[in-house]
Amino acid sequence: MLFTMMLASIVIVQAQRWSEEKVNRWYKNQTWQRGCNFIPSNAINQLEMWQEETFSPRLIDKELSWAKELGFNCMRVYLHHVAWEIDSKGFKERVEKYLEIADKYGIKTIFVFFDDCWNATYKTGIQPEPVMGKHNSGWLRDPGDLLFEDPNSISVLEEYVTDILKTFKKDERILVWDLYNEPGNSKYNVCSLPLLRSVFAWARKVNPSQPLTSGLWNKGLNKSLTQFQLKNSDVISYHNYSNVKNHQRAIDSLQTYNRPLFCTEYMARKFESTFQNIMPLLKNNKVAAINWGLVSGKTNTIYPWKNKQDNEQEPELWFHDILRQNKSPFSKEEVDFIKDITNGDNE
């Protein structure tokens, strides 16, 4: 607690937020962005995606080619500071390789730095095998509990964010920087606010050519967190896994801020958040549409969040994801719909 109080007292967010005029002018030059949160099917978490030993450019190429066939033009991709910490040069080379592949298919990227979801601790090297039937059994927070256990970690995190942003600050293949996914999740609540403030300050100091954001995700969260996100994000991003009525209500509320809207997580079939229901809503409101999941794999996100299934049988109704590893779809009707609604929108 002493550490977080000290951090909060010394960090001041610089007043360099994009004006409404600037960010809306930028957004008018973008096609309708739609895609998914992407991790290759052979990776259980961010480290398995980005570590040298398990980085898989051939698989990334194949799966992004499938995304292109669906009509997707944007991927949201999570980074992890530990992959950079153990090999910063190689990590940046792998990020560059990923961007080369995505660009080949006309896909832009939203990179995510920090995350308060799922496992609090982690280590480099061989990652655990998936727990049968458990949604995101191996996904990692970043920095997770390390921030509270090691006060010196804040300097490493600052160096990491600054290095990545400086390296790619003018890269047109990157659409947006998502600085912090779901701050306050995992019962961190307001304890995440000092790091949220810090990462915006670090990013503003670098002043990249791409806009910054951190997504709203829980109306019941501490107001100081959500207000900070709203007041400091260039584009307003949010998560919504509910039905059409509730999702439209959220859009109506957020449009009052007169900034571009990015829905960076949606599509949970059991909650009536489906492509057929939600994509037309987002397209009609010119909201970027980024669903969770592309190819079913080691993240086990075809199973719901609190699934109790303890075997490897495929569920009758997938929670997230679109395709199997052999490219066959969960639903051909669904895939045909996605292709139809995205047809011609890159022209």
Protein backbone atom coordinates (compact mmCIF):
# COMPACT_ATOMS: atom_id res chain seq x y z
CA MET A 1 0.00 0.00 0.00
CA LEU A 2 2.87 2.37 0.79
CA PHE A 3 4.34 1.72 -2.63
CA THR A 4 1.10 2.49 -4.49
CA MET A 5 0.60 5.68 -2.47
CA MET A 6 4.14 6.78 -3.28
CA LEU A 7 3.70 6.04 -6.97
CA ALA A 8 0.41 7.93 -7.13
CA SER A 9 2.02 10.96 -5.55
CA ILE A 10 4.87 11.28 -8.07
CA VAL A 11 3.12 10.47 -11.36
CA ILE A 12 1.41 13.28 -13.24
CA VAL A 13 -0.34 12.52 -16.52
CA GLN A 14 0.82 14.97 -19.16
CA ALA A 15 -1.88 17.05 -20.84
CA GLN A 16 -1.40 15.75 -24.36
CA ARG A 17 -4.66 13.97 -25.00
CA TRP A 18 -5.81 14.22 -28.59
CA SER A 19 -8.51 16.83 -29.10
CA GLU A 20 -11.95 15.75 -30.26
CA GLU A 21 -11.27 17.42 -33.60
CA LYS A 22 -7.95 15.61 -34.11
CA VAL A 23 -9.16 12.14 -33.12
CA ASN A 24 -12.37 12.36 -35.13
CA ARG A 25 -10.44 13.58 -38.18
CA TRP A 26 -8.12 10.58 -37.76
CA TYR A 27 -11.08 8.20 -37.44
CA LYS A 28 -12.73 9.50 -40.62
CA ASN A 29 -9.68 8.25 -42.51
CA GLN A 30 -10.13 4.70 -41.19
CA THR A 31 -12.26 2.02 -42.79
CA TRP A 32 -14.67 0.21 -40.48
CA GLN A 33 -12.37 -1.77 -38.21
CA ARG A 34 -13.44 -5.32 -37.41
CA GLY A 35 -11.52 -8.34 -36.27
CA CYS A 36 -10.72 -10.27 -33.15
CA ASN A 37 -8.51 -10.66 -30.13
CA PHE A 38 -5.80 -12.84 -31.61
CA ILE A 39 -3.45 -15.42 -30.18
CA PRO A 40 -2.27 -18.37 -32.31
CA SER A 41 -3.95 -21.65 -31.47
CA ASN A 42 -0.71 -23.25 -30.22
CA ALA A 43 -0.18 -20.64 -27.48
CA ILE A 44 -1.80 -20.84 -24.06
CA ASN A 45 -0.77 -17.31 -23.11
CA GLN A 46 1.19 -14.24 -24.12
CA LEU A 47 4.58 -15.73 -23.19
CA GLU A 48 4.04 -18.81 -25.30
CA MET A 49 3.14 -16.54 -28.20
CA TRP A 50 6.15 -14.23 -27.88
CA GLN A 51 9.06 -16.24 -26.44
CA GLU A 52 11.67 -17.20 -29.03
CA GLU A 53 11.29 -20.95 -28.47
CA THR A 54 7.55 -20.97 -29.16
CA PHE A 55 7.04 -18.02 -31.50
CA SER A 56 5.29 -19.49 -34.57
CA PRO A 57 5.33 -17.17 -37.60
CA ARG A 58 4.11 -19.90 -39.97
CA LEU A 59 1.05 -20.60 -37.86
CA ILE A 60 0.42 -16.88 -37.35
CA ASP A 61 0.60 -16.44 -41.11
CA LYS A 62 -1.87 -19.26 -41.73
CA GLU A 63 -4.38 -18.11 -39.15
CA LEU A 64 -4.20 -14.46 -40.17
CA SER A 65 -4.82 -15.53 -43.76
CA TRP A 66 -8.05 -17.12 -42.50
CA ALA A 67 -8.92 -13.86 -40.75
CA LYS A 68 -8.40 -12.03 -44.03
CA GLU A 69 -10.79 -14.46 -45.76
CA LEU A 70 -13.44 -13.59 -43.18
CA GLY A 71 -13.05 -9.91 -44.06
CA PHE A 72 -11.26 -8.94 -40.87
CA ASN A 73 -8.83 -6.03 -40.99
CA CYS A 74 -7.82 -5.55 -37.34
CA MET A 75 -6.37 -7.74 -34.60
CA ARG A 76 -6.03 -6.94 -30.90
CA VAL A 77 -2.89 -8.62 -29.59
CA TYR A 78 -1.54 -8.86 -26.04
CA LEU A 79 2.13 -8.35 -25.25
CA HIS A 80 3.90 -9.29 -21.99
CA HIS A 81 6.73 -7.42 -20.32
CA VAL A 82 8.58 -10.58 -19.27
CA ALA A 83 9.06 -11.66 -22.89
CA TRP A 84 10.70 -8.27 -23.47
CA GLU A 85 12.67 -8.34 -20.21
CA ILE A 86 14.48 -11.60 -21.02
CA ASP A 87 15.19 -10.68 -24.65
CA SER A 88 14.27 -7.14 -25.60
CA LYS A 89 15.99 -7.17 -28.99
CA GLY A 90 14.53 -10.52 -30.00
CA PHE A 91 11.11 -9.57 -28.66
CA LYS A 92 11.00 -6.44 -30.82
CA GLU A 93 12.15 -8.47 -33.82
CA ARG A 94 9.28 -10.88 -33.25
CA VAL A 95 6.81 -8.01 -32.93
CA GLU A 96 8.17 -6.70 -36.22
CA LYS A 97 7.74 -10.13 -37.82
CA TYR A 98 4.16 -10.32 -36.59
CA LEU A 99 3.44 -6.87 -38.04
CA GLU A 100 4.94 -7.89 -41.39
CA ILE A 101 2.63 -10.90 -41.54
CA ALA A 102 -0.46 -8.94 -40.50
CA ASP A 103 0.30 -6.16 -42.97
CA LYS A 104 0.59 -8.70 -45.78
CA TYR A 105 -3.10 -9.43 -45.23
CA GLY A 106 -4.16 -5.81 -44.80
CA ILE A 107 -4.61 -6.25 -41.07
CA LYS A 108 -3.80 -3.50 -38.58
CA THR A 109 -3.02 -4.20 -34.94
CA ILE A 110 -4.07 -2.94 -31.54
CA PHE A 111 -1.35 -3.89 -29.07
CA VAL A 112 -2.18 -4.32 -25.38
CA PHE A 113 0.45 -3.68 -22.69
CA PHE A 114 -0.93 -4.50 -19.23
CA ASP A 115 -3.72 -6.82 -18.11
CA ASP A 116 -5.44 -7.61 -14.79
CA CYS A 117 -7.11 -10.86 -15.92
CA TRP A 118 -6.52 -14.50 -14.97
CA ASN A 119 -3.24 -15.81 -13.47
CA ALA A 120 -1.41 -13.47 -11.10
CA THR A 121 2.04 -15.08 -11.32
CA TYR A 122 4.13 -16.44 -14.17
CA LYS A 123 7.59 -17.54 -15.20
CA THR A 124 9.48 -17.75 -18.44
CA GLY A 125 10.28 -20.97 -20.28
CA ILE A 126 7.95 -23.86 -20.86
CA GLN A 127 4.36 -22.85 -20.16
CA PRO A 128 1.75 -25.13 -18.52
CA GLU A 129 -0.54 -27.34 -20.55
CA PRO A 130 -4.22 -26.32 -20.65
CA VAL A 131 -6.50 -27.49 -17.85
CA MET A 132 -9.15 -29.59 -19.54
CA GLY A 133 -12.32 -27.61 -20.18
CA LYS A 134 -11.13 -24.53 -18.28
CA HIS A 135 -11.43 -21.16 -20.02
CA ASN A 136 -8.05 -19.36 -20.26
CA SER A 137 -6.42 -21.66 -17.71
CA GLY A 138 -2.96 -20.37 -18.61
CA TRP A 139 -3.59 -16.69 -19.44
CA LEU A 140 -1.36 -14.24 -17.56
CA ARG A 141 -1.86 -10.94 -15.86
CA ASP A 142 0.78 -8.34 -16.52
CA PRO A 143 2.40 -7.33 -14.25
CA GLY A 144 0.04 -9.09 -11.83
CA ASP A 145 1.12 -9.47 -8.22
CA LEU A 146 4.72 -8.62 -9.12
CA LEU A 147 3.87 -4.92 -8.94
CA PHE A 148 2.95 -5.19 -5.28
CA GLU A 149 5.63 -7.70 -4.30
CA ASP A 150 8.59 -5.92 -5.93
CA PRO A 151 8.52 -2.09 -5.89
CA ASN A 152 11.55 -2.05 -8.19
CA SER A 153 9.46 -3.60 -10.96
CA ILE A 154 7.97 -0.21 -11.80
CA SER A 155 11.24 0.95 -13.36
CA VAL A 156 11.34 -2.17 -15.53
CA LEU A 157 7.76 -1.61 -16.65
CA GLU A 158 8.48 2.00 -17.55
CA GLU A 159 11.54 0.99 -19.57
CA TYR A 160 9.52 -1.71 -21.34
CA VAL A 161 6.61 0.53 -22.32
CA THR A 162 8.92 3.35 -23.36
CA ASP A 163 11.12 1.08 -25.48
CA ILE A 164 8.23 -0.50 -27.36
CA LEU A 165 6.49 2.81 -27.97
CA LYS A 166 9.66 4.54 -29.15
CA THR A 167 10.43 1.67 -31.50
CA PHE A 168 6.99 1.61 -33.12
CA LYS A 169 5.69 5.14 -32.45
CA LYS A 170 5.34 5.99 -36.15
CA ASP A 171 4.37 2.56 -37.43
CA GLU A 172 1.24 2.83 -39.57
CA ARG A 173 0.60 -0.90 -39.20
CA ILE A 174 -0.36 -0.22 -35.57
CA LEU A 175 -3.82 1.26 -35.22
CA VAL A 176 -4.10 1.97 -31.48
CA TRP A 177 -2.16 1.36 -28.27
CA ASP A 178 -4.37 -0.25 -25.62
CA LEU A 179 -2.38 0.57 -22.51
CA TYR A 180 -4.16 -1.47 -19.86
CA ASN A 181 -6.77 -4.21 -20.23
CA GLU A 182 -9.50 -4.27 -17.59
CA PRO A 183 -7.65 -2.38 -14.83
CA GLY A 184 -9.08 -3.25 -11.46
CA ASN A 185 -10.10 -6.78 -12.38
CA SER A 186 -9.14 -9.80 -10.19
CA LYS A 187 -10.23 -7.76 -7.14
CA TYR A 188 -7.36 -5.27 -7.60
CA ASN A 189 -9.93 -2.50 -7.92
CA VAL A 190 -8.44 0.94 -7.18
CA CYS A 191 -5.01 -0.59 -6.49
CA SER A 192 -4.58 -0.63 -10.27
CA LEU A 193 -5.04 3.13 -10.58
CA PRO A 194 -1.38 4.11 -9.92
CA LEU A 195 -0.14 1.88 -12.74
CA LEU A 196 -2.94 3.07 -15.01
CA ARG A 197 -1.89 6.65 -14.37
CA SER A 198 1.75 5.76 -14.91
CA VAL A 199 1.35 3.97 -18.22
CA PHE A 200 -0.58 6.91 -19.67
CA ALA A 201 2.14 9.28 -18.45
CA TRP A 202 4.89 7.15 -20.01
CA ALA A 203 2.99 6.91 -23.28
CA ARG A 204 2.24 10.64 -23.42
CA LYS A 205 5.93 11.37 -22.88
CA VAL A 206 6.78 9.29 -25.97
CA ASN A 207 3.83 10.83 -27.84
CA PRO A 208 3.27 8.12 -30.49
CA SER A 209 1.49 8.87 -33.75
CA GLN A 210 -1.21 6.33 -32.84
CA PRO A 211 -4.01 7.12 -30.37
CA LEU A 212 -4.08 5.69 -26.84
CA THR A 213 -6.87 3.96 -24.96
CA SER A 214 -7.79 1.77 -22.01
CA GLY A 215 -11.11 -0.01 -22.21
CA LEU A 216 -14.13 0.38 -19.94
CA TRP A 217 -15.38 -3.00 -18.79
CA ASN A 218 -17.40 -2.85 -15.56
CA LYS A 219 -20.00 -0.22 -14.64
CA GLY A 220 -19.69 -1.23 -10.99
CA LEU A 221 -15.96 -0.56 -10.85
CA ASN A 222 -14.49 2.18 -8.70
CA LYS A 223 -15.45 5.46 -10.39
CA SER A 224 -11.95 6.88 -10.14
CA LEU A 225 -10.74 4.13 -12.50
CA THR A 226 -13.46 4.54 -15.12
CA GLN A 227 -13.34 8.32 -14.99
CA PHE A 228 -9.60 8.28 -15.51
CA GLN A 229 -10.01 6.02 -18.54
CA LEU A 230 -12.68 8.26 -20.02
CA LYS A 231 -10.75 11.47 -19.44
CA ASN A 232 -7.41 10.23 -20.77
CA SER A 233 -8.21 7.89 -23.67
CA ASP A 234 -7.97 9.37 -27.16
CA VAL A 235 -10.45 6.84 -28.53
CA ILE A 236 -12.96 5.34 -26.12
CA SER A 237 -12.81 1.56 -26.00
CA TYR A 238 -15.06 -0.74 -24.07
CA HIS A 239 -16.04 -4.39 -23.55
CA ASN A 240 -19.60 -5.63 -23.86
CA TYR A 241 -20.75 -9.26 -23.90
CA SER A 242 -24.48 -8.55 -23.54
CA ASN A 243 -27.43 -8.60 -25.93
CA VAL A 244 -28.41 -6.01 -28.53
CA LYS A 245 -30.61 -3.91 -26.24
CA ASN A 246 -27.98 -3.53 -23.53
CA HIS A 247 -25.20 -3.02 -26.03
CA GLN A 248 -27.09 -0.25 -27.81
CA ARG A 249 -27.65 1.43 -24.46
CA ALA A 250 -23.90 1.37 -23.84
CA ILE A 251 -23.17 2.87 -27.25
CA ASP A 252 -25.72 5.64 -26.74
CA SER A 253 -24.08 6.55 -23.45
CA LEU A 254 -20.52 6.54 -24.79
CA GLN A 255 -21.37 8.51 -27.92
CA THR A 256 -22.01 11.53 -25.71
CA TYR A 257 -18.23 11.87 -25.32
CA ASN A 258 -17.91 12.67 -29.05
CA ARG A 259 -14.94 10.38 -29.63
CA PRO A 260 -14.45 7.29 -31.82
CA LEU A 261 -15.71 4.10 -30.18
CA PHE A 262 -13.92 0.77 -30.23
CA CYS A 263 -15.65 -2.33 -28.88
CA THR A 264 -12.50 -4.31 -28.14
CA GLU A 265 -14.28 -7.35 -26.68
CA TYR A 266 -17.66 -8.84 -27.55
CA MET A 267 -19.22 -12.12 -28.77
CA ALA A 268 -20.26 -14.64 -26.13
CA ARG A 269 -22.90 -16.83 -27.74
CA LYS A 270 -24.61 -17.94 -24.53
CA PHE A 271 -25.30 -14.30 -23.62
CA GLU A 272 -26.88 -13.46 -27.02
CA SER A 273 -23.78 -11.53 -28.02
CA THR A 274 -23.38 -13.06 -31.46
CA PHE A 275 -22.00 -11.92 -34.79
CA GLN A 276 -25.48 -11.85 -36.32
CA ASN A 277 -26.82 -9.71 -33.45
CA ILE A 278 -23.94 -7.39 -32.67
CA MET A 279 -21.92 -6.81 -35.85
CA PRO A 280 -24.75 -4.91 -37.63
CA LEU A 281 -25.25 -2.80 -34.51
CA LEU A 282 -21.56 -1.88 -34.38
CA LYS A 283 -21.30 -1.28 -38.11
CA ASN A 284 -24.37 0.98 -38.19
CA ASN A 285 -22.90 3.05 -35.35
CA LYS A 286 -19.39 3.01 -36.89
CA VAL A 287 -18.00 1.30 -33.80
CA ALA A 288 -14.91 -0.86 -34.30
CA ALA A 289 -15.89 -4.51 -33.75
CA ILE A 290 -13.24 -6.72 -32.11
CA ASN A 291 -14.62 -10.06 -30.92
CA TRP A 292 -12.82 -12.51 -28.64
CA GLY A 293 -11.11 -15.34 -30.45
CA LEU A 294 -10.35 -16.63 -33.93
CA VAL A 295 -9.08 -20.22 -33.92
CA SER A 296 -9.93 -22.60 -31.09
CA GLY A 297 -6.73 -23.65 -29.32
CA LYS A 298 -4.85 -23.89 -26.07
CA THR A 299 -6.64 -20.95 -24.46
CA ASN A 300 -9.80 -23.09 -24.23
CA THR A 301 -12.04 -20.09 -24.89
CA ILE A 302 -14.67 -22.21 -26.58
CA TYR A 303 -15.64 -22.99 -22.96
CA PRO A 304 -17.43 -20.35 -20.84
CA TRP A 305 -15.71 -18.34 -18.12
CA LYS A 306 -16.82 -20.50 -15.17
CA ASN A 307 -17.11 -23.80 -16.96
CA LYS A 308 -17.17 -26.92 -14.76
CA GLN A 309 -16.56 -29.40 -17.57
CA ASP A 310 -13.58 -31.63 -16.81
CA ASN A 311 -13.05 -33.37 -20.14
CA GLU A 312 -11.87 -32.44 -23.61
CA GLN A 313 -15.21 -32.89 -25.37
CA GLU A 314 -16.09 -29.91 -27.54
CA PRO A 315 -19.09 -28.05 -26.10
CA GLU A 316 -22.27 -28.03 -28.12
CA LEU A 317 -22.33 -24.22 -28.02
CA TRP A 318 -18.96 -22.51 -28.25
CA PHE A 319 -18.47 -19.51 -25.99
CA HIS A 320 -15.84 -17.67 -28.10
CA ASP A 321 -13.79 -18.41 -31.25
CA ILE A 322 -14.85 -19.01 -34.84
CA LEU A 323 -12.75 -21.76 -36.47
CA ARG A 324 -11.20 -25.10 -35.58
CA GLN A 325 -7.52 -25.74 -36.25
CA ASN A 326 -8.41 -27.49 -39.51
CA LYS A 327 -10.24 -24.29 -40.57
CA SER A 328 -13.70 -25.83 -40.24
CA PRO A 329 -16.09 -23.31 -38.63
CA PHE A 330 -18.14 -23.72 -35.49
CA SER A 331 -21.01 -22.45 -37.66
CA LYS A 332 -20.93 -22.14 -41.44
CA GLU A 333 -23.96 -19.87 -41.26
CA GLU A 334 -22.05 -17.60 -38.90
CA VAL A 335 -18.98 -17.48 -41.14
CA ASP A 336 -21.10 -16.74 -44.20
CA PHE A 337 -22.71 -13.87 -42.29
CA ILE A 338 -19.32 -12.40 -41.29
CA LYS A 339 -18.09 -12.55 -44.88
CA ASP A 340 -21.28 -10.92 -46.10
CA ILE A 341 -21.24 -8.00 -43.65
CA THR A 342 -17.56 -7.28 -44.24
CA ASN A 343 -17.71 -7.62 -48.01
CA GLY A 344 -16.35 -4.57 -49.82
CA ASP A 345 -15.62 -2.49 -46.73
CA ASN A 346 -11.89 -2.30 -47.40
CA GLU A 347 -12.44 -0.65 -50.75
